[in-house]
Amino acid sequence: ELETSKEELQSLNEELITVNTELQNKNDELSIINNDMKNLLDGIDIPTIFLDNNLLIKRFTFNATKVVNLISSDIGRPIKHIATNLKYEKLVEDASEVLRSLNFKEIEVQTKDDLWYQMRILPYRTTSNMIDGVVITLTNITQLKKAYGEITKLNQDIQVARDFSNNIVETLRDSLLILDDKLKVLSANRSFYKIFNTTSENTIGKFIYELEDKNWDIPELKKLLEDIIPKESFFEAFEVEYNFKKGGRKKLLLNAREIFQGDKESKLILLAIQV
């Protein structure tokens, strides 16, 4: 019996050694995975905070300390006890809402030193699809916000310049038409509508030759616009006859110039008409 017990004990020891070896291998694998995850998260350069279902801090990346005042001993503490550098008071409320609804939340937030972040709060799902808290990421969008601001200001400046030029055009006595490269009317000034007794509804979007029941279908004008402008880019003081419905035939003095809108591929024609 003693010999049998000794053999059983030896067998148990061997099994225990095998189990310990397997456990050590698993621990080594887990350590490697944790190290890989830490280096990956720190290398991504996106502040990230992991909270459990009670909104206690589980983990955070190094870059998160630039936005939230976190230190290693804060792990296990409620996020509501941690001071942040954000001009935003609803972090805990939003994290709780994400846990409740399981829908992610995205919002732009600003720090006290005037940096902007795109904050996303998402449910933390395990590999077995269980909810185990939330993940908070903060992507720096400061440069993007500055670019948007500059674009907005530039658009405002362009609109001011456009309004200014439109006001000048509207005060001119000469009639003006702007045509696209297909010779459709893009715009006309007040003088044109008044002198030719027409409206924008009957003008804008029409081919110039269709205006006034094809009263603008003048052979000389067609030659100027279709032959001379593409070659010379302008013509000046060219006389044509126009048949006014109420005033009969009169001479028109035409000046035209090819202009560009934004780039040299967007060609327009500015046509000035003197009666």
C-alpha atoms as a PDB file:
ATOM      1  CA  GLU A   1       0.000   0.000   0.000  1.00  0.00           C
ATOM      2  CA  LEU A   2       2.828   2.348   0.803  1.00  0.00           C
ATOM      3  CA  GLU A   3       4.375   1.673  -2.593  1.00  0.00           C
ATOM      4  CA  THR A   4       1.017   2.289  -4.289  1.00  0.00           C
ATOM      5  CA  SER A   5       0.502   5.549  -2.390  1.00  0.00           C
ATOM      6  CA  LYS A   6       3.981   6.656  -3.353  1.00  0.00           C
ATOM      7  CA  GLU A   7       3.261   5.992  -7.035  1.00  0.00           C
ATOM      8  CA  GLU A   8      -0.040   7.905  -6.817  1.00  0.00           C
ATOM      9  CA  LEU A   9       1.717  10.827  -5.138  1.00  0.00           C
ATOM     10  CA  GLN A  10       4.380  10.781  -7.852  1.00  0.00           C
ATOM     11  CA  SER A  11       1.671  10.798 -10.506  1.00  0.00           C
ATOM     12  CA  LEU A  12      -0.122  13.712  -8.823  1.00  0.00           C
ATOM     13  CA  ASN A  13       3.146  15.648  -8.609  1.00  0.00           C
ATOM     14  CA  GLU A  14       3.746  15.130 -12.316  1.00  0.00           C
ATOM     15  CA  GLU A  15       0.220  16.329 -13.125  1.00  0.00           C
ATOM     16  CA  LEU A  16       0.705  19.328 -10.860  1.00  0.00           C
ATOM     17  CA  ILE A  17       3.980  20.189 -12.616  1.00  0.00           C
ATOM     18  CA  THR A  18       2.209  19.916 -15.984  1.00  0.00           C
ATOM     19  CA  VAL A  19      -0.651  22.157 -14.813  1.00  0.00           C
ATOM     20  CA  ASN A  20       1.790  24.698 -13.348  1.00  0.00           C
ATOM     21  CA  THR A  21       3.752  24.720 -16.594  1.00  0.00           C
ATOM     22  CA  GLU A  22       0.577  25.306 -18.604  1.00  0.00           C
ATOM     23  CA  LEU A  23      -0.488  28.023 -16.166  1.00  0.00           C
ATOM     24  CA  GLN A  24       2.917  29.696 -16.457  1.00  0.00           C
ATOM     25  CA  ASN A  25       2.647  29.596 -20.262  1.00  0.00           C
ATOM     26  CA  LYS A  26      -0.808  31.147 -20.092  1.00  0.00           C
ATOM     27  CA  ASN A  27       0.477  33.850 -17.746  1.00  0.00           C
ATOM     28  CA  ASP A  28       3.356  34.550 -20.120  1.00  0.00           C
ATOM     29  CA  GLU A  29       0.934  34.789 -23.053  1.00  0.00           C
ATOM     30  CA  LEU A  30      -1.343  37.114 -21.062  1.00  0.00           C
ATOM     31  CA  SER A  31       1.628  39.281 -20.098  1.00  0.00           C
ATOM     32  CA  ILE A  32       2.700  39.542 -23.751  1.00  0.00           C
ATOM     33  CA  ILE A  33      -0.859  40.431 -24.796  1.00  0.00           C
ATOM     34  CA  ASN A  34      -1.119  43.091 -22.077  1.00  0.00           C
ATOM     35  CA  ASN A  35       2.248  44.557 -23.079  1.00  0.00           C
ATOM     36  CA  ASP A  36       1.237  44.574 -26.746  1.00  0.00           C
ATOM     37  CA  MET A  37      -2.079  46.268 -25.887  1.00  0.00           C
ATOM     38  CA  LYS A  38      -0.384  48.894 -23.731  1.00  0.00           C
ATOM     39  CA  ASN A  39       2.198  49.734 -26.401  1.00  0.00           C
ATOM     40  CA  LEU A  40      -0.476  49.739 -29.098  1.00  0.00           C
ATOM     41  CA  LEU A  41      -2.770  52.102 -27.189  1.00  0.00           C
ATOM     42  CA  ASP A  42       0.088  54.401 -26.183  1.00  0.00           C
ATOM     43  CA  GLY A  43       1.391  54.451 -29.752  1.00  0.00           C
ATOM     44  CA  ILE A  44      -1.981  55.358 -31.266  1.00  0.00           C
ATOM     45  CA  ASP A  45      -1.710  58.842 -29.702  1.00  0.00           C
ATOM     46  CA  ILE A  46      -5.454  58.913 -28.963  1.00  0.00           C
ATOM     47  CA  PRO A  47      -6.370  59.500 -25.302  1.00  0.00           C
ATOM     48  CA  THR A  48      -8.448  56.479 -24.242  1.00  0.00           C
ATOM     49  CA  ILE A  49     -10.112  55.631 -20.932  1.00  0.00           C
ATOM     50  CA  PHE A  50     -11.757  52.284 -20.032  1.00  0.00           C
ATOM     51  CA  LEU A  51     -14.498  52.260 -17.398  1.00  0.00           C
ATOM     52  CA  ASP A  52     -16.320  49.263 -15.892  1.00  0.00           C
ATOM     53  CA  ASN A  53     -20.086  48.932 -15.430  1.00  0.00           C
ATOM     54  CA  ASN A  54     -19.899  51.052 -12.265  1.00  0.00           C
ATOM     55  CA  LEU A  55     -17.926  53.737 -14.115  1.00  0.00           C
ATOM     56  CA  LEU A  56     -14.774  52.870 -12.210  1.00  0.00           C
ATOM     57  CA  ILE A  57     -11.508  53.383 -14.045  1.00  0.00           C
ATOM     58  CA  LYS A  58     -10.099  50.103 -15.396  1.00  0.00           C
ATOM     59  CA  ARG A  59      -7.348  51.345 -17.656  1.00  0.00           C
ATOM     60  CA  PHE A  60      -6.181  54.458 -19.478  1.00  0.00           C
ATOM     61  CA  THR A  61      -3.534  55.377 -22.016  1.00  0.00           C
ATOM     62  CA  PHE A  62      -0.647  57.719 -21.348  1.00  0.00           C
ATOM     63  CA  ASN A  63      -2.106  60.390 -23.641  1.00  0.00           C
ATOM     64  CA  ALA A  64      -5.327  60.404 -21.600  1.00  0.00           C
ATOM     65  CA  THR A  65      -3.393  62.091 -18.775  1.00  0.00           C
ATOM     66  CA  LYS A  66      -3.082  65.197 -20.986  1.00  0.00           C
ATOM     67  CA  VAL A  67      -6.857  65.643 -20.951  1.00  0.00           C
ATOM     68  CA  VAL A  68      -7.897  64.075 -17.640  1.00  0.00           C
ATOM     69  CA  ASN A  69      -5.802  64.376 -14.478  1.00  0.00           C
ATOM     70  CA  LEU A  70      -5.068  60.660 -14.097  1.00  0.00           C
ATOM     71  CA  ILE A  71      -2.288  58.799 -12.300  1.00  0.00           C
ATOM     72  CA  SER A  72      -1.720  55.053 -11.947  1.00  0.00           C
ATOM     73  CA  SER A  73      -3.267  54.960  -8.455  1.00  0.00           C
ATOM     74  CA  ASP A  74      -6.580  56.217  -9.926  1.00  0.00           C
ATOM     75  CA  ILE A  75      -7.356  52.767 -11.325  1.00  0.00           C
ATOM     76  CA  GLY A  76     -10.412  51.513  -9.449  1.00  0.00           C
ATOM     77  CA  ARG A  77     -11.639  55.005  -8.592  1.00  0.00           C
ATOM     78  CA  PRO A  78     -14.948  56.442  -9.900  1.00  0.00           C
ATOM     79  CA  ILE A  79     -14.469  58.660 -12.934  1.00  0.00           C
ATOM     80  CA  LYS A  80     -16.694  61.276 -11.270  1.00  0.00           C
ATOM     81  CA  HIS A  81     -14.006  61.795  -8.620  1.00  0.00           C
ATOM     82  CA  ILE A  82     -11.387  62.718 -11.224  1.00  0.00           C
ATOM     83  CA  ALA A  83     -10.820  66.318 -12.297  1.00  0.00           C
ATOM     84  CA  THR A  84     -10.649  66.875 -16.035  1.00  0.00           C
ATOM     85  CA  ASN A  85      -9.215  69.587 -18.247  1.00  0.00           C
ATOM     86  CA  LEU A  86     -12.464  69.745 -20.219  1.00  0.00           C
ATOM     87  CA  LYS A  87     -15.010  72.567 -20.397  1.00  0.00           C
ATOM     88  CA  TYR A  88     -17.636  69.854 -20.173  1.00  0.00           C
ATOM     89  CA  GLU A  89     -19.690  68.761 -17.188  1.00  0.00           C
ATOM     90  CA  LYS A  90     -21.733  65.855 -18.594  1.00  0.00           C
ATOM     91  CA  LEU A  91     -19.076  63.139 -18.953  1.00  0.00           C
ATOM     92  CA  VAL A  92     -20.475  60.920 -16.192  1.00  0.00           C
ATOM     93  CA  GLU A  93     -24.057  61.509 -17.344  1.00  0.00           C
ATOM     94  CA  ASP A  94     -23.209  60.641 -20.950  1.00  0.00           C
ATOM     95  CA  ALA A  95     -21.231  57.526 -19.950  1.00  0.00           C
ATOM     96  CA  SER A  96     -24.207  56.329 -17.892  1.00  0.00           C
ATOM     97  CA  GLU A  97     -26.542  56.953 -20.838  1.00  0.00           C
ATOM     98  CA  VAL A  98     -24.321  54.895 -23.155  1.00  0.00           C
ATOM     99  CA  LEU A  99     -24.352  52.036 -20.645  1.00  0.00           C
ATOM    100  CA  ARG A 100     -28.126  52.229 -20.441  1.00  0.00           C
ATOM    101  CA  SER A 101     -28.920  52.563 -24.139  1.00  0.00           C
ATOM    102  CA  LEU A 102     -25.868  50.739 -25.579  1.00  0.00           C
ATOM    103  CA  ASN A 103     -25.741  53.445 -28.262  1.00  0.00           C
ATOM    104  CA  PHE A 104     -22.471  55.311 -28.768  1.00  0.00           C
ATOM    105  CA  LYS A 105     -22.300  59.061 -28.181  1.00  0.00           C
ATOM    106  CA  GLU A 106     -20.125  61.545 -30.050  1.00  0.00           C
ATOM    107  CA  ILE A 107     -19.578  65.177 -29.148  1.00  0.00           C
ATOM    108  CA  GLU A 108     -17.017  67.936 -29.692  1.00  0.00           C
ATOM    109  CA  VAL A 109     -15.465  69.145 -26.446  1.00  0.00           C
ATOM    110  CA  GLN A 110     -12.984  71.899 -25.647  1.00  0.00           C
ATOM    111  CA  THR A 111     -10.238  71.884 -23.027  1.00  0.00           C
ATOM    112  CA  LYS A 112      -9.423  74.733 -20.689  1.00  0.00           C
ATOM    113  CA  ASP A 113      -6.315  75.467 -22.775  1.00  0.00           C
ATOM    114  CA  ASP A 114      -8.513  75.832 -25.897  1.00  0.00           C
ATOM    115  CA  LEU A 115      -7.781  72.512 -27.590  1.00  0.00           C
ATOM    116  CA  TRP A 116     -10.652  70.720 -29.309  1.00  0.00           C
ATOM    117  CA  TYR A 117     -11.378  66.974 -29.154  1.00  0.00           C
ATOM    118  CA  GLN A 118     -13.919  64.701 -30.788  1.00  0.00           C
ATOM    119  CA  MET A 119     -15.076  62.592 -27.835  1.00  0.00           C
ATOM    120  CA  ARG A 120     -16.673  59.192 -28.477  1.00  0.00           C
ATOM    121  CA  ILE A 121     -18.188  57.029 -25.752  1.00  0.00           C
ATOM    122  CA  LEU A 122     -18.890  53.426 -26.758  1.00  0.00           C
ATOM    123  CA  PRO A 123     -20.055  50.294 -24.918  1.00  0.00           C
ATOM    124  CA  TYR A 124     -17.166  47.948 -24.066  1.00  0.00           C
ATOM    125  CA  ARG A 125     -18.030  44.524 -25.472  1.00  0.00           C
ATOM    126  CA  THR A 126     -16.186  41.353 -24.506  1.00  0.00           C
ATOM    127  CA  THR A 127     -15.388  38.558 -26.961  1.00  0.00           C
ATOM    128  CA  SER A 128     -18.529  36.803 -25.703  1.00  0.00           C
ATOM    129  CA  ASN A 129     -20.540  39.958 -26.550  1.00  0.00           C
ATOM    130  CA  MET A 130     -21.107  40.895 -22.915  1.00  0.00           C
ATOM    131  CA  ILE A 131     -21.150  44.569 -21.891  1.00  0.00           C
ATOM    132  CA  ASP A 132     -18.361  45.318 -19.453  1.00  0.00           C
ATOM    133  CA  GLY A 133     -18.339  49.091 -19.188  1.00  0.00           C
ATOM    134  CA  VAL A 134     -17.561  51.856 -21.681  1.00  0.00           C
ATOM    135  CA  VAL A 135     -14.602  53.122 -23.689  1.00  0.00           C
ATOM    136  CA  ILE A 136     -13.961  56.868 -23.995  1.00  0.00           C
ATOM    137  CA  THR A 137     -11.722  58.112 -26.814  1.00  0.00           C
ATOM    138  CA  LEU A 138     -10.690  61.699 -27.508  1.00  0.00           C
ATOM    139  CA  THR A 139      -9.368  62.607 -30.965  1.00  0.00           C
ATOM    140  CA  ASN A 140      -7.603  65.954 -31.276  1.00  0.00           C
ATOM    141  CA  ILE A 141      -9.443  68.062 -33.887  1.00  0.00           C
ATOM    142  CA  THR A 142      -7.914  71.441 -33.023  1.00  0.00           C
ATOM    143  CA  GLN A 143      -6.302  71.922 -36.441  1.00  0.00           C
ATOM    144  CA  LEU A 144      -9.503  70.804 -38.146  1.00  0.00           C
ATOM    145  CA  LYS A 145     -11.537  73.362 -36.164  1.00  0.00           C
ATOM    146  CA  LYS A 146      -9.046  76.089 -37.077  1.00  0.00           C
ATOM    147  CA  ALA A 147      -9.254  75.104 -40.747  1.00  0.00           C
ATOM    148  CA  TYR A 148     -13.072  75.197 -40.614  1.00  0.00           C
ATOM    149  CA  GLY A 149     -12.907  78.618 -38.982  1.00  0.00           C
ATOM    150  CA  GLU A 150     -10.549  79.930 -41.664  1.00  0.00           C
ATOM    151  CA  ILE A 151     -12.761  78.498 -44.425  1.00  0.00           C
ATOM    152  CA  THR A 152     -15.840  80.098 -42.847  1.00  0.00           C
ATOM    153  CA  LYS A 153     -14.090  83.474 -42.651  1.00  0.00           C
ATOM    154  CA  LEU A 154     -12.873  83.116 -46.234  1.00  0.00           C
ATOM    155  CA  ASN A 155     -16.406  82.324 -47.411  1.00  0.00           C
ATOM    156  CA  GLN A 156     -17.689  85.365 -45.549  1.00  0.00           C
ATOM    157  CA  ASP A 157     -15.009  87.545 -47.166  1.00  0.00           C
ATOM    158  CA  ILE A 158     -15.892  86.135 -50.582  1.00  0.00           C
ATOM    159  CA  GLN A 159     -19.576  86.847 -49.977  1.00  0.00           C
ATOM    160  CA  VAL A 160     -18.785  90.420 -48.944  1.00  0.00           C
ATOM    161  CA  ALA A 161     -16.687  90.903 -52.096  1.00  0.00           C
ATOM    162  CA  ARG A 162     -19.426  89.328 -54.238  1.00  0.00           C
ATOM    163  CA  ASP A 163     -22.086  91.577 -52.705  1.00  0.00           C
ATOM    164  CA  PHE A 164     -19.840  94.581 -53.268  1.00  0.00           C
ATOM    165  CA  SER A 165     -19.261  93.742 -56.931  1.00  0.00           C
ATOM    166  CA  ASN A 166     -22.952  92.951 -57.442  1.00  0.00           C
ATOM    167  CA  ASN A 167     -23.913  96.337 -56.054  1.00  0.00           C
ATOM    168  CA  ILE A 168     -21.497  98.019 -58.459  1.00  0.00           C
ATOM    169  CA  VAL A 169     -22.883  96.008 -61.388  1.00  0.00           C
ATOM    170  CA  GLU A 170     -26.452  96.921 -60.462  1.00  0.00           C
ATOM    171  CA  THR A 171     -25.630 100.636 -60.595  1.00  0.00           C
ATOM    172  CA  LEU A 172     -24.145 100.510 -64.115  1.00  0.00           C
ATOM    173  CA  ARG A 173     -26.192 101.985 -66.963  1.00  0.00           C
ATOM    174  CA  ASP A 174     -24.871  99.390 -69.429  1.00  0.00           C
ATOM    175  CA  SER A 175     -26.717  96.113 -69.662  1.00  0.00           C
ATOM    176  CA  LEU A 176     -24.613  93.132 -68.549  1.00  0.00           C
ATOM    177  CA  LEU A 177     -24.979  89.413 -69.126  1.00  0.00           C
ATOM    178  CA  ILE A 178     -22.782  86.609 -67.809  1.00  0.00           C
ATOM    179  CA  LEU A 179     -22.833  83.484 -69.969  1.00  0.00           C
ATOM    180  CA  ASP A 180     -21.416  80.032 -69.269  1.00  0.00           C
ATOM    181  CA  ASP A 181     -19.300  78.099 -71.769  1.00  0.00           C
ATOM    182  CA  LYS A 182     -22.517  76.761 -73.364  1.00  0.00           C
ATOM    183  CA  LEU A 183     -23.761  80.356 -73.826  1.00  0.00           C
ATOM    184  CA  LYS A 184     -26.504  79.980 -71.227  1.00  0.00           C
ATOM    185  CA  VAL A 185     -27.291  83.062 -69.150  1.00  0.00           C
ATOM    186  CA  LEU A 186     -26.041  82.787 -65.580  1.00  0.00           C
ATOM    187  CA  SER A 187     -26.918  86.311 -64.471  1.00  0.00           C
ATOM    188  CA  ALA A 188     -28.050  89.694 -65.711  1.00  0.00           C
ATOM    189  CA  ASN A 189     -28.096  93.136 -64.120  1.00  0.00           C
ATOM    190  CA  ARG A 190     -31.042  95.418 -63.441  1.00  0.00           C
ATOM    191  CA  SER A 191     -30.289  97.593 -66.457  1.00  0.00           C
ATOM    192  CA  PHE A 192     -30.668  94.613 -68.809  1.00  0.00           C
ATOM    193  CA  TYR A 193     -34.108  93.736 -67.425  1.00  0.00           C
ATOM    194  CA  LYS A 194     -35.212  97.363 -67.657  1.00  0.00           C
ATOM    195  CA  ILE A 195     -33.930  98.185 -71.157  1.00  0.00           C
ATOM    196  CA  PHE A 196     -35.091  94.920 -72.714  1.00  0.00           C
ATOM    197  CA  ASN A 197     -38.322  94.823 -70.703  1.00  0.00           C
ATOM    198  CA  THR A 198     -37.873  91.268 -69.421  1.00  0.00           C
ATOM    199  CA  THR A 199     -37.557  89.325 -66.155  1.00  0.00           C
ATOM    200  CA  SER A 200     -35.080  86.944 -64.562  1.00  0.00           C
ATOM    201  CA  GLU A 201     -37.546  84.061 -65.047  1.00  0.00           C
ATOM    202  CA  ASN A 202     -37.381  84.625 -68.812  1.00  0.00           C
ATOM    203  CA  THR A 203     -33.602  85.114 -68.819  1.00  0.00           C
ATOM    204  CA  ILE A 204     -31.630  83.011 -66.341  1.00  0.00           C
ATOM    205  CA  GLY A 205     -30.792  79.518 -67.584  1.00  0.00           C
ATOM    206  CA  LYS A 206     -31.784  80.296 -71.168  1.00  0.00           C
ATOM    207  CA  PHE A 207     -29.486  80.147 -74.169  1.00  0.00           C
ATOM    208  CA  ILE A 208     -28.758  83.706 -75.258  1.00  0.00           C
ATOM    209  CA  TYR A 209     -30.186  82.944 -78.704  1.00  0.00           C
ATOM    210  CA  GLU A 210     -33.519  81.950 -77.110  1.00  0.00           C
ATOM    211  CA  LEU A 211     -34.063  85.247 -75.274  1.00  0.00           C
ATOM    212  CA  GLU A 212     -37.049  87.397 -76.216  1.00  0.00           C
ATOM    213  CA  ASP A 213     -38.601  84.755 -78.492  1.00  0.00           C
ATOM    214  CA  LYS A 214     -35.231  84.254 -80.255  1.00  0.00           C
ATOM    215  CA  ASN A 215     -34.867  87.979 -80.815  1.00  0.00           C
ATOM    216  CA  TRP A 216     -31.222  87.540 -79.789  1.00  0.00           C
ATOM    217  CA  ASP A 217     -30.604  84.961 -82.504  1.00  0.00           C
ATOM    218  CA  ILE A 218     -28.459  87.473 -84.417  1.00  0.00           C
ATOM    219  CA  PRO A 219     -25.953  86.043 -86.935  1.00  0.00           C
ATOM    220  CA  GLU A 220     -23.305  88.680 -86.109  1.00  0.00           C
ATOM    221  CA  LEU A 221     -23.626  87.953 -82.370  1.00  0.00           C
ATOM    222  CA  LYS A 222     -23.380  84.202 -82.969  1.00  0.00           C
ATOM    223  CA  LYS A 223     -20.144  84.704 -84.924  1.00  0.00           C
ATOM    224  CA  LEU A 224     -18.704  86.888 -82.178  1.00  0.00           C
ATOM    225  CA  LEU A 225     -19.510  84.484 -79.359  1.00  0.00           C
ATOM    226  CA  GLU A 226     -18.758  81.208 -81.114  1.00  0.00           C
ATOM    227  CA  ASP A 227     -15.790  82.164 -83.314  1.00  0.00           C
ATOM    228  CA  ILE A 228     -14.063  85.300 -82.106  1.00  0.00           C
ATOM    229  CA  ILE A 229     -14.239  84.849 -78.314  1.00  0.00           C
ATOM    230  CA  PRO A 230     -12.638  81.356 -78.291  1.00  0.00           C
ATOM    231  CA  LYS A 231      -9.734  82.652 -80.378  1.00  0.00           C
ATOM    232  CA  GLU A 232      -9.213  86.207 -79.142  1.00  0.00           C
ATOM    233  CA  SER A 233     -10.845  85.960 -75.666  1.00  0.00           C
ATOM    234  CA  PHE A 234     -12.510  89.376 -76.159  1.00  0.00           C
ATOM    235  CA  PHE A 235     -14.051  91.822 -78.603  1.00  0.00           C
ATOM    236  CA  GLU A 236     -14.873  95.527 -78.241  1.00  0.00           C
ATOM    237  CA  ALA A 237     -17.251  98.111 -79.729  1.00  0.00           C
ATOM    238  CA  PHE A 238     -18.964  95.710 -82.115  1.00  0.00           C
ATOM    239  CA  GLU A 239     -22.235  96.997 -83.601  1.00  0.00           C
ATOM    240  CA  VAL A 240     -25.264  94.781 -84.237  1.00  0.00           C
ATOM    241  CA  GLU A 241     -28.906  95.587 -84.929  1.00  0.00           C
ATOM    242  CA  TYR A 242     -31.556  94.523 -82.442  1.00  0.00           C
ATOM    243  CA  ASN A 243     -35.298  94.578 -83.010  1.00  0.00           C
ATOM    244  CA  PHE A 244     -36.969  95.987 -79.893  1.00  0.00           C
ATOM    245  CA  LYS A 245     -40.598  94.931 -79.569  1.00  0.00           C
ATOM    246  CA  LYS A 246     -41.705  98.447 -78.655  1.00  0.00           C
ATOM    247  CA  GLY A 247     -38.923 100.577 -80.047  1.00  0.00           C
ATOM    248  CA  GLY A 248     -38.196  99.000 -83.393  1.00  0.00           C
ATOM    249  CA  ARG A 249     -34.692  98.288 -84.709  1.00  0.00           C
ATOM    250  CA  LYS A 250     -31.788  99.947 -82.938  1.00  0.00           C
ATOM    251  CA  LYS A 251     -28.035  99.549 -82.979  1.00  0.00           C
ATOM    252  CA  LEU A 252     -26.371  97.861 -80.049  1.00  0.00           C
ATOM    253  CA  LEU A 253     -22.730  98.300 -79.143  1.00  0.00           C
ATOM    254  CA  LEU A 254     -21.333  95.053 -77.754  1.00  0.00           C
ATOM    255  CA  ASN A 255     -18.237  94.427 -75.653  1.00  0.00           C
ATOM    256  CA  ALA A 256     -17.368  90.951 -74.420  1.00  0.00           C
ATOM    257  CA  ARG A 257     -14.534  89.341 -72.528  1.00  0.00           C
ATOM    258  CA  GLU A 258     -13.742  85.827 -71.452  1.00  0.00           C
ATOM    259  CA  ILE A 259     -13.397  85.552 -67.682  1.00  0.00           C
ATOM    260  CA  PHE A 260     -12.554  82.690 -65.360  1.00  0.00           C
ATOM    261  CA  GLN A 261     -14.410  81.444 -62.318  1.00  0.00           C
ATOM    262  CA  GLY A 262     -12.016  79.999 -59.749  1.00  0.00           C
ATOM    263  CA  ASP A 263      -9.816  78.121 -62.235  1.00  0.00           C
ATOM    264  CA  LYS A 264      -8.998  78.385 -65.915  1.00  0.00           C
ATOM    265  CA  GLU A 265     -11.231  75.429 -66.696  1.00  0.00           C
ATOM    266  CA  SER A 266     -14.370  77.342 -65.667  1.00  0.00           C
ATOM    267  CA  LYS A 267     -14.714  79.847 -68.501  1.00  0.00           C
ATOM    268  CA  LEU A 268     -17.452  82.479 -68.533  1.00  0.00           C
ATOM    269  CA  ILE A 269     -18.265  85.329 -70.889  1.00  0.00           C
ATOM    270  CA  LEU A 270     -19.067  88.851 -69.680  1.00  0.00           C
ATOM    271  CA  LEU A 271     -21.188  90.616 -72.310  1.00  0.00           C
ATOM    272  CA  ALA A 272     -21.751  94.375 -71.982  1.00  0.00           C
ATOM    273  CA  ILE A 273     -24.483  95.976 -74.117  1.00  0.00           C
ATOM    274  CA  GLN A 274     -24.870  99.666 -74.869  1.00  0.00           C
ATOM    275  CA  VAL A 275     -27.989 100.981 -76.609  1.00  0.00           C
END
